[in-house]
N, C-alpha and C. Protein backbone atom coordinates (compact mmCIF):
# COMPACT_ATOMS: atom_id res chain seq x y z
N MET A 1 -13.99 19.51 -54.42
CA MET A 1 -13.75 18.66 -53.27
C MET A 1 -13.16 19.46 -52.10
N LYS A 2 -12.26 20.41 -52.43
CA LYS A 2 -11.65 21.22 -51.37
C LYS A 2 -12.70 22.10 -50.69
N LYS A 3 -13.69 22.57 -51.46
CA LYS A 3 -14.74 23.40 -50.87
C LYS A 3 -15.59 22.59 -49.89
N ILE A 4 -15.85 21.34 -50.21
CA ILE A 4 -16.65 20.48 -49.33
C ILE A 4 -15.89 20.22 -48.02
N ILE A 5 -14.62 19.90 -48.12
CA ILE A 5 -13.82 19.64 -46.92
C ILE A 5 -13.71 20.91 -46.08
N ALA A 6 -13.49 22.05 -46.71
CA ALA A 6 -13.40 23.31 -45.97
C ALA A 6 -14.73 23.64 -45.30
N THR A 7 -15.84 23.41 -46.00
CA THR A 7 -17.17 23.68 -45.43
C THR A 7 -17.44 22.77 -44.24
N LEU A 8 -17.13 21.48 -44.37
CA LEU A 8 -17.32 20.54 -43.26
C LEU A 8 -16.44 20.88 -42.06
N THR A 9 -15.22 21.31 -42.31
CA THR A 9 -14.32 21.69 -41.23
C THR A 9 -14.85 22.91 -40.47
N ILE A 10 -15.27 23.91 -41.19
CA ILE A 10 -15.82 25.12 -40.56
C ILE A 10 -17.11 24.79 -39.81
N PHE A 11 -17.97 23.99 -40.41
CA PHE A 11 -19.21 23.59 -39.76
C PHE A 11 -18.92 22.81 -38.47
N SER A 12 -17.92 21.93 -38.49
CA SER A 12 -17.55 21.16 -37.30
C SER A 12 -17.08 22.07 -36.17
N PHE A 13 -16.24 23.06 -36.49
CA PHE A 13 -15.77 24.00 -35.47
C PHE A 13 -16.92 24.83 -34.89
N ILE A 14 -17.82 25.29 -35.74
CA ILE A 14 -18.95 26.08 -35.27
C ILE A 14 -19.84 25.24 -34.36
N THR A 15 -20.11 24.00 -34.76
CA THR A 15 -20.94 23.11 -33.96
C THR A 15 -20.28 22.80 -32.62
N PHE A 16 -18.98 22.53 -32.64
CA PHE A 16 -18.26 22.18 -31.42
C PHE A 16 -18.25 23.32 -30.41
N PHE A 17 -18.03 24.54 -30.88
CA PHE A 17 -17.93 25.68 -29.98
C PHE A 17 -19.26 26.33 -29.64
N SER A 18 -20.35 25.89 -30.25
CA SER A 18 -21.64 26.51 -29.97
C SER A 18 -22.34 25.90 -28.75
N PHE A 19 -21.91 24.71 -28.31
CA PHE A 19 -22.51 24.09 -27.15
C PHE A 19 -21.78 24.53 -25.89
N PRO A 20 -22.52 24.76 -24.78
CA PRO A 20 -21.86 25.19 -23.55
C PRO A 20 -20.99 24.09 -22.96
N ASN A 21 -19.99 24.51 -22.25
CA ASN A 21 -19.08 23.57 -21.63
C ASN A 21 -19.58 23.27 -20.22
N PHE A 22 -19.87 22.01 -19.93
CA PHE A 22 -20.37 21.62 -18.63
C PHE A 22 -19.23 21.09 -17.77
N SER A 23 -19.17 21.57 -16.54
CA SER A 23 -18.16 21.09 -15.61
C SER A 23 -18.79 20.96 -14.23
N TYR A 24 -18.77 19.75 -13.69
CA TYR A 24 -19.37 19.50 -12.38
C TYR A 24 -18.31 19.12 -11.35
N ALA A 25 -17.13 19.64 -11.49
CA ALA A 25 -16.03 19.22 -10.64
C ALA A 25 -16.09 19.79 -9.23
N SER A 26 -16.89 20.81 -9.00
CA SER A 26 -16.85 21.46 -7.69
C SER A 26 -17.68 20.74 -6.64
N GLY A 27 -18.50 19.79 -7.01
CA GLY A 27 -19.34 19.09 -6.04
C GLY A 27 -19.29 17.59 -6.22
N THR A 28 -19.91 16.88 -5.30
CA THR A 28 -20.03 15.44 -5.37
C THR A 28 -21.49 15.11 -5.58
N THR A 29 -21.78 14.31 -6.58
CA THR A 29 -23.18 14.01 -6.91
C THR A 29 -23.75 12.96 -5.98
N PHE A 30 -25.06 12.99 -5.82
CA PHE A 30 -25.77 12.02 -5.01
C PHE A 30 -27.18 11.88 -5.55
N GLY A 31 -27.87 10.87 -5.13
CA GLY A 31 -29.26 10.66 -5.47
C GLY A 31 -29.83 9.60 -4.57
N GLY A 32 -30.99 9.88 -4.01
CA GLY A 32 -31.57 8.88 -3.13
C GLY A 32 -32.82 9.36 -2.43
N ARG A 33 -33.28 8.53 -1.52
CA ARG A 33 -34.52 8.77 -0.79
C ARG A 33 -34.24 9.51 0.51
N LEU A 34 -35.08 10.48 0.81
CA LEU A 34 -34.97 11.24 2.05
C LEU A 34 -35.40 10.36 3.21
N GLY A 35 -34.51 10.20 4.19
CA GLY A 35 -34.81 9.35 5.33
C GLY A 35 -35.29 10.13 6.54
N GLY A 36 -34.92 11.39 6.64
CA GLY A 36 -35.33 12.18 7.79
C GLY A 36 -34.82 13.61 7.68
N VAL A 37 -35.45 14.49 8.46
CA VAL A 37 -35.09 15.90 8.48
C VAL A 37 -34.96 16.33 9.93
N PHE A 38 -33.88 17.06 10.22
CA PHE A 38 -33.63 17.55 11.57
C PHE A 38 -33.39 19.05 11.50
N TYR A 39 -34.04 19.82 12.36
CA TYR A 39 -33.86 21.28 12.35
C TYR A 39 -32.67 21.65 13.22
N CYS A 40 -31.75 22.40 12.66
CA CYS A 40 -30.57 22.88 13.37
C CYS A 40 -30.91 24.23 14.00
N THR A 41 -31.15 24.24 15.29
CA THR A 41 -31.70 25.42 15.97
C THR A 41 -30.74 26.61 15.99
N CYS A 42 -29.46 26.40 16.20
CA CYS A 42 -28.52 27.52 16.29
C CYS A 42 -28.08 28.05 14.93
N SER A 43 -28.02 27.20 13.93
CA SER A 43 -27.56 27.65 12.62
C SER A 43 -28.70 27.93 11.65
N ALA A 44 -29.94 27.79 12.08
CA ALA A 44 -31.13 28.07 11.26
C ALA A 44 -31.05 27.38 9.90
N SER A 45 -30.79 26.08 9.92
CA SER A 45 -30.72 25.29 8.69
C SER A 45 -31.36 23.93 8.95
N LEU A 46 -31.43 23.12 7.91
CA LEU A 46 -31.98 21.77 8.03
C LEU A 46 -30.88 20.75 7.80
N LEU A 47 -30.92 19.66 8.53
CA LEU A 47 -30.01 18.54 8.30
C LEU A 47 -30.85 17.43 7.67
N LEU A 48 -30.55 17.10 6.42
CA LEU A 48 -31.28 16.08 5.68
C LEU A 48 -30.49 14.78 5.68
N PHE A 49 -31.16 13.70 6.01
CA PHE A 49 -30.54 12.38 5.97
C PHE A 49 -31.04 11.68 4.71
N ILE A 50 -30.12 11.44 3.77
CA ILE A 50 -30.47 10.89 2.46
C ILE A 50 -29.77 9.56 2.28
N GLN A 51 -30.55 8.52 1.91
CA GLN A 51 -29.98 7.21 1.60
C GLN A 51 -29.47 7.27 0.17
N ASP A 52 -28.17 7.45 0.00
CA ASP A 52 -27.56 7.63 -1.32
C ASP A 52 -27.51 6.30 -2.06
N TYR A 53 -28.08 6.27 -3.26
CA TYR A 53 -28.09 5.04 -4.06
C TYR A 53 -26.72 4.74 -4.66
N LYS A 54 -25.92 5.77 -4.90
CA LYS A 54 -24.61 5.58 -5.52
C LYS A 54 -23.64 4.88 -4.57
N THR A 55 -23.57 5.34 -3.33
CA THR A 55 -22.64 4.76 -2.37
C THR A 55 -23.27 3.70 -1.50
N GLY A 56 -24.59 3.69 -1.40
CA GLY A 56 -25.28 2.73 -0.57
C GLY A 56 -25.27 3.08 0.91
N SER A 57 -24.79 4.26 1.24
CA SER A 57 -24.73 4.66 2.64
C SER A 57 -25.51 5.96 2.84
N PRO A 58 -25.93 6.22 4.08
CA PRO A 58 -26.67 7.46 4.33
C PRO A 58 -25.73 8.67 4.35
N LEU A 59 -26.25 9.80 3.88
CA LEU A 59 -25.51 11.06 3.88
C LEU A 59 -26.24 12.04 4.77
N ALA A 60 -25.51 12.76 5.60
CA ALA A 60 -26.07 13.84 6.41
C ALA A 60 -25.67 15.14 5.75
N LEU A 61 -26.62 15.77 5.06
CA LEU A 61 -26.33 16.98 4.29
C LEU A 61 -27.11 18.17 4.83
N VAL A 62 -26.46 19.31 4.88
CA VAL A 62 -27.07 20.53 5.40
C VAL A 62 -27.75 21.28 4.26
N TYR A 63 -29.01 21.69 4.50
CA TYR A 63 -29.72 22.58 3.59
C TYR A 63 -29.81 23.93 4.30
N GLY A 64 -29.06 24.89 3.81
CA GLY A 64 -29.03 26.20 4.46
C GLY A 64 -28.51 27.26 3.52
N VAL A 65 -27.85 28.26 4.07
CA VAL A 65 -27.31 29.37 3.29
C VAL A 65 -26.30 28.83 2.28
N GLY A 66 -26.49 29.15 1.02
CA GLY A 66 -25.61 28.68 -0.05
C GLY A 66 -26.16 27.51 -0.83
N SER A 67 -27.25 26.90 -0.37
CA SER A 67 -27.85 25.78 -1.09
C SER A 67 -28.64 26.30 -2.29
N LYS A 68 -28.49 25.63 -3.44
CA LYS A 68 -29.20 26.02 -4.65
C LYS A 68 -30.29 24.99 -4.94
N LEU A 69 -31.53 25.30 -4.54
CA LEU A 69 -32.66 24.42 -4.80
C LEU A 69 -33.21 24.74 -6.19
N LEU A 70 -33.16 23.77 -7.10
CA LEU A 70 -33.61 23.99 -8.47
C LEU A 70 -35.10 23.75 -8.63
N THR A 71 -35.62 22.70 -8.02
CA THR A 71 -37.03 22.38 -8.14
C THR A 71 -37.50 21.59 -6.93
N GLY A 72 -38.75 21.72 -6.59
CA GLY A 72 -39.31 21.00 -5.46
C GLY A 72 -39.09 21.73 -4.15
N SER A 73 -38.99 20.97 -3.07
CA SER A 73 -38.73 21.53 -1.74
C SER A 73 -37.71 20.64 -1.05
N PRO A 74 -37.08 21.12 0.02
CA PRO A 74 -36.11 20.26 0.71
C PRO A 74 -36.77 19.05 1.37
N TYR A 75 -38.10 19.02 1.43
CA TYR A 75 -38.81 17.90 2.03
C TYR A 75 -39.27 16.86 1.01
N GLY A 76 -38.86 17.00 -0.25
CA GLY A 76 -39.26 16.04 -1.28
C GLY A 76 -38.75 14.64 -0.97
N LEU A 77 -39.51 13.62 -1.34
CA LEU A 77 -39.19 12.24 -1.00
C LEU A 77 -37.89 11.76 -1.64
N TYR A 78 -37.65 12.13 -2.91
CA TYR A 78 -36.44 11.72 -3.60
C TYR A 78 -35.61 12.95 -3.91
N GLN A 79 -34.31 12.90 -3.59
CA GLN A 79 -33.39 14.01 -3.75
C GLN A 79 -32.34 13.65 -4.81
N LEU A 80 -31.97 14.63 -5.61
CA LEU A 80 -30.96 14.42 -6.64
C LEU A 80 -30.18 15.71 -6.82
N GLY A 81 -28.87 15.62 -6.87
CA GLY A 81 -28.07 16.82 -7.07
C GLY A 81 -26.63 16.62 -6.68
N ASP A 82 -26.04 17.68 -6.10
CA ASP A 82 -24.65 17.60 -5.67
C ASP A 82 -24.49 18.28 -4.33
N TYR A 83 -23.37 18.03 -3.70
CA TYR A 83 -23.04 18.69 -2.44
C TYR A 83 -21.55 19.00 -2.43
N SER A 84 -21.19 19.96 -1.62
CA SER A 84 -19.79 20.35 -1.48
C SER A 84 -19.44 20.41 -0.01
N SER A 85 -18.18 20.56 0.28
CA SER A 85 -17.78 20.66 1.68
C SER A 85 -18.31 21.96 2.27
N GLY A 86 -18.50 21.96 3.55
CA GLY A 86 -19.03 23.14 4.22
C GLY A 86 -20.41 22.88 4.77
N GLY A 87 -21.02 23.90 5.27
CA GLY A 87 -22.34 23.77 5.88
C GLY A 87 -22.23 23.24 7.29
N GLN A 88 -22.88 23.91 8.21
CA GLN A 88 -22.84 23.50 9.60
C GLN A 88 -24.24 23.28 10.14
N CYS A 89 -24.37 22.28 10.99
CA CYS A 89 -25.60 22.08 11.74
C CYS A 89 -25.26 22.23 13.21
N ARG A 90 -25.71 23.34 13.79
CA ARG A 90 -25.45 23.62 15.19
C ARG A 90 -26.77 23.56 15.94
N VAL A 91 -26.77 22.84 17.07
CA VAL A 91 -27.97 22.58 17.85
C VAL A 91 -27.76 23.07 19.29
N TYR A 92 -28.80 23.69 19.83
CA TYR A 92 -28.76 24.17 21.21
C TYR A 92 -28.94 23.00 22.18
N VAL A 93 -27.99 22.86 23.12
CA VAL A 93 -28.09 21.84 24.16
C VAL A 93 -27.76 22.49 25.51
N GLY A 94 -28.76 22.65 26.33
CA GLY A 94 -28.56 23.17 27.67
C GLY A 94 -28.15 24.62 27.72
N VAL A 95 -26.85 24.88 27.75
CA VAL A 95 -26.36 26.24 27.92
C VAL A 95 -25.62 26.78 26.69
N GLY A 96 -25.51 26.02 25.63
CA GLY A 96 -24.79 26.48 24.45
C GLY A 96 -25.13 25.63 23.23
N CYS A 97 -24.38 25.85 22.18
CA CYS A 97 -24.61 25.14 20.92
C CYS A 97 -23.46 24.19 20.63
N VAL A 98 -23.78 23.04 20.07
CA VAL A 98 -22.77 22.08 19.63
C VAL A 98 -22.96 21.83 18.13
N THR A 99 -21.89 21.40 17.48
CA THR A 99 -21.92 21.12 16.04
C THR A 99 -22.11 19.63 15.80
N ILE A 100 -23.07 19.29 14.95
CA ILE A 100 -23.30 17.91 14.55
C ILE A 100 -22.48 17.66 13.28
N PRO A 101 -21.71 16.57 13.21
CA PRO A 101 -20.91 16.30 12.02
C PRO A 101 -21.80 16.03 10.80
N THR A 102 -21.41 16.58 9.65
CA THR A 102 -22.17 16.41 8.41
C THR A 102 -21.23 16.02 7.27
N ASN A 103 -21.83 15.60 6.15
CA ASN A 103 -21.05 15.29 4.95
C ASN A 103 -20.80 16.50 4.08
N GLY A 104 -21.62 17.55 4.21
CA GLY A 104 -21.41 18.73 3.39
C GLY A 104 -22.68 19.54 3.23
N LEU A 105 -22.60 20.52 2.33
CA LEU A 105 -23.69 21.44 2.04
C LEU A 105 -24.40 20.97 0.78
N ILE A 106 -25.67 20.64 0.89
CA ILE A 106 -26.44 20.14 -0.25
C ILE A 106 -26.68 21.28 -1.23
N GLY A 107 -26.51 20.99 -2.51
CA GLY A 107 -26.71 22.01 -3.53
C GLY A 107 -25.69 23.12 -3.49
N GLY A 108 -24.57 22.89 -2.86
CA GLY A 108 -23.54 23.92 -2.76
C GLY A 108 -22.55 23.88 -3.90
N GLY A 109 -22.63 22.88 -4.76
CA GLY A 109 -21.74 22.79 -5.91
C GLY A 109 -22.29 23.54 -7.11
N SER A 110 -21.82 23.21 -8.29
CA SER A 110 -22.22 23.95 -9.49
C SER A 110 -23.57 23.54 -10.03
N VAL A 111 -24.05 22.35 -9.68
CA VAL A 111 -25.31 21.86 -10.25
C VAL A 111 -26.51 22.31 -9.42
N GLY A 112 -26.44 22.18 -8.11
CA GLY A 112 -27.59 22.43 -7.26
C GLY A 112 -28.28 21.11 -6.99
N PHE A 113 -29.57 21.17 -6.58
CA PHE A 113 -30.29 19.93 -6.36
C PHE A 113 -31.78 20.14 -6.57
N GLY A 114 -32.48 19.05 -6.73
CA GLY A 114 -33.92 19.10 -6.92
C GLY A 114 -34.57 17.90 -6.27
N THR A 115 -35.87 17.96 -6.10
CA THR A 115 -36.59 16.89 -5.44
C THR A 115 -37.84 16.51 -6.24
N SER A 116 -38.37 15.37 -5.89
CA SER A 116 -39.63 14.96 -6.50
C SER A 116 -40.50 14.30 -5.46
């Protein structure tokens, strides 16, 4: 009986520690339909407007340097992934560039994002 309990205990520890530890704390998840795309002329990035199903409100997310695209393209109809703070959308107006307010950098967290 002691051998069975010892074997089950060792097997439980091996099973528990053999799976990778997932942590998605660095980003905020979202999922929804792409509503529009705007090109940020000064910052050479895209501003994606996504109707987030989780919050029910639109998100203005930057696709640019630091974005991790896992599958699809940034123009895919449905977007799923995470975003983090950061990312700028700067647009040329007349004699200089201005910054458009955004919710964050799409795919800038630990998960990334994908489209379909």
